[in-house]
C-alpha cells in the first residue's frame, strides 16, 4: 500500500543535509492537473527554528511551478502553531477546516 501511495502520482522530494551528511529535514510535493500538494514536511527536532522547513517548502514550490503548477494545497493540524506560521510565511492561507469523528471505545463488561 505504501508503495502505491508513493508511486501512484508524480512527486518531487527535497531534503536538507547538515555538514556531517545527515538528513535534517525533508518534504514532498505531488503534481496533478496544475496543482501541487505539499506532504511529509519534517525537520529533525534538533534543527528546528533555523529556516530549514522554509527552505524546503520554497524549493518544493519552485520546482512544482517550473513544472506548470499554478496552485498548491496542504493540510495541517489546527494545534500545530509552528506549521501555521511556516505556511503563512510561504503564502498559504486557511480555506477550510475538518475533523474526524470516532465512535466511543467499547470494552467487554469484564475487561480492564
C-alpha atoms as a PDB file:
ATOM      1  CA  UNK A   1       0.000   0.000   0.000  1.00  0.00           C
ATOM      2  CA  UNK A   2       2.795   2.419   0.898  1.00  0.00           C
ATOM      3  CA  UNK A   3       4.468   1.815  -2.474  1.00  0.00           C
ATOM      4  CA  UNK A   4       1.182   2.638  -4.218  1.00  0.00           C
ATOM      5  CA  UNK A   5       0.857   5.880  -2.294  1.00  0.00           C
ATOM      6  CA  UNK A   6       4.440   6.885  -3.032  1.00  0.00           C
ATOM      7  CA  UNK A   7       4.424   5.927  -6.713  1.00  0.00           C
ATOM      8  CA  UNK A   8       0.782   6.498  -7.654  1.00  0.00           C
ATOM      9  CA  UNK A   9       1.184  10.165  -8.561  1.00  0.00           C
ATOM     10  CA  UNK A  10       4.101  12.244  -9.874  1.00  0.00           C
ATOM     11  CA  UNK A  11       6.025  13.658  -6.921  1.00  0.00           C
ATOM     12  CA  UNK A  12       9.217  15.512  -6.117  1.00  0.00           C
ATOM     13  CA  UNK A  13      11.195  15.423  -2.883  1.00  0.00           C
ATOM     14  CA  UNK A  14      13.547  17.871  -1.201  1.00  0.00           C
ATOM     15  CA  UNK A  15      15.866  17.231   1.723  1.00  0.00           C
ATOM     16  CA  UNK A  16      18.224  19.358   3.773  1.00  0.00           C
ATOM     17  CA  UNK A  17      21.552  17.839   4.808  1.00  0.00           C
ATOM     18  CA  UNK A  18      23.815  19.159   7.554  1.00  0.00           C
ATOM     19  CA  UNK A  19      27.621  19.428   7.339  1.00  0.00           C
ATOM     20  CA  UNK A  20      28.007  15.814   8.508  1.00  0.00           C
ATOM     21  CA  UNK A  21      25.830  14.487   5.682  1.00  0.00           C
ATOM     22  CA  UNK A  22      22.848  13.769   7.942  1.00  0.00           C
ATOM     23  CA  UNK A  23      19.393  14.490   6.522  1.00  0.00           C
ATOM     24  CA  UNK A  24      17.860  17.019   8.919  1.00  0.00           C
ATOM     25  CA  UNK A  25      14.697  17.892   7.002  1.00  0.00           C
ATOM     26  CA  UNK A  26      12.554  16.659   4.157  1.00  0.00           C
ATOM     27  CA  UNK A  27       9.350  17.293   2.234  1.00  0.00           C
ATOM     28  CA  UNK A  28       7.318  16.066  -0.735  1.00  0.00           C
ATOM     29  CA  UNK A  29       5.233  17.786  -3.389  1.00  0.00           C
ATOM     30  CA  UNK A  30       2.770  15.903  -5.605  1.00  0.00           C
ATOM     31  CA  UNK A  31       1.882  17.225  -9.033  1.00  0.00           C
ATOM     32  CA  UNK A  32      -1.564  16.741 -10.558  1.00  0.00           C
ATOM     33  CA  UNK A  33      -3.541  18.767 -13.107  1.00  0.00           C
ATOM     34  CA  UNK A  34      -1.783  22.055 -12.400  1.00  0.00           C
ATOM     35  CA  UNK A  35      -1.938  21.610  -8.622  1.00  0.00           C
ATOM     36  CA  UNK A  36       0.859  20.953  -6.144  1.00  0.00           C
ATOM     37  CA  UNK A  37       0.186  19.142  -2.876  1.00  0.00           C
ATOM     38  CA  UNK A  38       2.647  19.593  -0.013  1.00  0.00           C
ATOM     39  CA  UNK A  39       3.161  16.488   2.140  1.00  0.00           C
ATOM     40  CA  UNK A  40       5.582  14.888   4.581  1.00  0.00           C
ATOM     41  CA  UNK A  41       7.221  18.076   5.793  1.00  0.00           C
ATOM     42  CA  UNK A  42       9.520  17.261   8.686  1.00  0.00           C
ATOM     43  CA  UNK A  43      12.605  18.705  10.353  1.00  0.00           C
ATOM     44  CA  UNK A  44      14.684  16.880  12.965  1.00  0.00           C
ATOM     45  CA  UNK A  45      13.833  18.384  16.392  1.00  0.00           C
ATOM     46  CA  UNK A  46      17.444  19.414  16.990  1.00  0.00           C
ATOM     47  CA  UNK A  47      17.470  21.515  13.817  1.00  0.00           C
ATOM     48  CA  UNK A  48      14.146  23.328  14.025  1.00  0.00           C
ATOM     49  CA  UNK A  49      13.732  27.127  14.001  1.00  0.00           C
ATOM     50  CA  UNK A  50      16.697  27.570  11.621  1.00  0.00           C
ATOM     51  CA  UNK A  51      14.788  28.160   8.366  1.00  0.00           C
ATOM     52  CA  UNK A  52      15.204  24.595   7.107  1.00  0.00           C
ATOM     53  CA  UNK A  53      11.490  23.935   6.633  1.00  0.00           C
ATOM     54  CA  UNK A  54      11.030  27.296   4.891  1.00  0.00           C
ATOM     55  CA  UNK A  55      13.870  26.459   2.506  1.00  0.00           C
ATOM     56  CA  UNK A  56      12.459  23.017   1.745  1.00  0.00           C
ATOM     57  CA  UNK A  57       8.974  24.455   1.186  1.00  0.00           C
ATOM     58  CA  UNK A  58      10.346  27.118  -1.168  1.00  0.00           C
ATOM     59  CA  UNK A  59      12.336  24.513  -3.142  1.00  0.00           C
ATOM     60  CA  UNK A  60       9.266  22.280  -3.487  1.00  0.00           C
ATOM     61  CA  UNK A  61       7.005  25.126  -4.603  1.00  0.00           C
ATOM     62  CA  UNK A  62       9.608  26.463  -7.043  1.00  0.00           C
ATOM     63  CA  UNK A  63      10.128  23.003  -8.563  1.00  0.00           C
ATOM     64  CA  UNK A  64       6.371  22.495  -8.875  1.00  0.00           C
ATOM     65  CA  UNK A  65       5.944  25.908 -10.500  1.00  0.00           C
ATOM     66  CA  UNK A  66       8.696  25.084 -13.015  1.00  0.00           C
ATOM     67  CA  UNK A  67       6.626  22.035 -13.971  1.00  0.00           C
ATOM     68  CA  UNK A  68       3.471  24.042 -14.634  1.00  0.00           C
ATOM     69  CA  UNK A  69       1.566  24.090 -11.361  1.00  0.00           C
ATOM     70  CA  UNK A  70      -0.478  27.193 -10.706  1.00  0.00           C
ATOM     71  CA  UNK A  71      -1.869  26.439  -7.241  1.00  0.00           C
ATOM     72  CA  UNK A  72      -0.872  24.484  -4.146  1.00  0.00           C
ATOM     73  CA  UNK A  73      -2.600  22.924  -1.160  1.00  0.00           C
ATOM     74  CA  UNK A  74      -1.655  21.294   2.117  1.00  0.00           C
ATOM     75  CA  UNK A  75      -3.231  20.095   5.348  1.00  0.00           C
ATOM     76  CA  UNK A  76      -2.004  20.871   8.843  1.00  0.00           C
ATOM     77  CA  UNK A  77      -3.486  20.198  12.260  1.00  0.00           C
ATOM     78  CA  UNK A  78      -5.040  23.182  13.994  1.00  0.00           C
ATOM     79  CA  UNK A  79      -2.763  22.743  17.021  1.00  0.00           C
ATOM     80  CA  UNK A  80       0.490  22.973  15.044  1.00  0.00           C
ATOM     81  CA  UNK A  81       1.266  26.680  15.501  1.00  0.00           C
ATOM     82  CA  UNK A  82       4.785  26.364  14.089  1.00  0.00           C
ATOM     83  CA  UNK A  83       3.499  24.848  10.851  1.00  0.00           C
ATOM     84  CA  UNK A  84       0.800  27.510  10.565  1.00  0.00           C
ATOM     85  CA  UNK A  85       3.453  30.237  10.819  1.00  0.00           C
ATOM     86  CA  UNK A  86       5.659  28.468   8.242  1.00  0.00           C
ATOM     87  CA  UNK A  87       2.868  28.045   5.720  1.00  0.00           C
ATOM     88  CA  UNK A  88       1.572  31.595   6.205  1.00  0.00           C
ATOM     89  CA  UNK A  89       5.106  32.860   5.520  1.00  0.00           C
ATOM     90  CA  UNK A  90       5.105  30.622   2.422  1.00  0.00           C
ATOM     91  CA  UNK A  91       1.987  32.315   1.066  1.00  0.00           C
ATOM     92  CA  UNK A  92      -0.680  29.856   2.199  1.00  0.00           C
ATOM     93  CA  UNK A  93      -3.932  30.803   3.895  1.00  0.00           C
ATOM     94  CA  UNK A  94      -6.612  28.791   5.600  1.00  0.00           C
ATOM     95  CA  UNK A  95      -9.580  27.999   3.370  1.00  0.00           C
ATOM     96  CA  UNK A  96     -11.341  25.289   5.362  1.00  0.00           C
ATOM     97  CA  UNK A  97     -11.357  23.000   8.370  1.00  0.00           C
ATOM     98  CA  UNK A  98     -12.452  19.466   9.109  1.00  0.00           C
ATOM     99  CA  UNK A  99     -12.240  16.950  11.897  1.00  0.00           C
ATOM    100  CA  UNK A 100     -12.580  13.213  12.339  1.00  0.00           C
ATOM    101  CA  UNK A 101     -15.261  11.659  14.475  1.00  0.00           C
ATOM    102  CA  UNK A 102     -14.716   8.403  16.284  1.00  0.00           C
ATOM    103  CA  UNK A 103     -17.199   6.168  17.992  1.00  0.00           C
ATOM    104  CA  UNK A 104     -16.566   5.737  21.725  1.00  0.00           C
ATOM    105  CA  UNK A 105     -14.347   2.822  22.614  1.00  0.00           C
ATOM    106  CA  UNK A 106     -16.448  -0.141  23.740  1.00  0.00           C
ATOM    107  CA  UNK A 107     -14.979  -2.561  26.205  1.00  0.00           C
ATOM    108  CA  UNK A 108     -16.122  -6.006  27.155  1.00  0.00           C
ATOM    109  CA  UNK A 109     -18.015  -5.974  30.503  1.00  0.00           C
ATOM    110  CA  UNK A 110     -15.209  -7.721  32.416  1.00  0.00           C
ATOM    111  CA  UNK A 111     -12.282  -6.077  30.575  1.00  0.00           C
ATOM    112  CA  UNK A 112      -9.678  -3.984  32.387  1.00  0.00           C
END
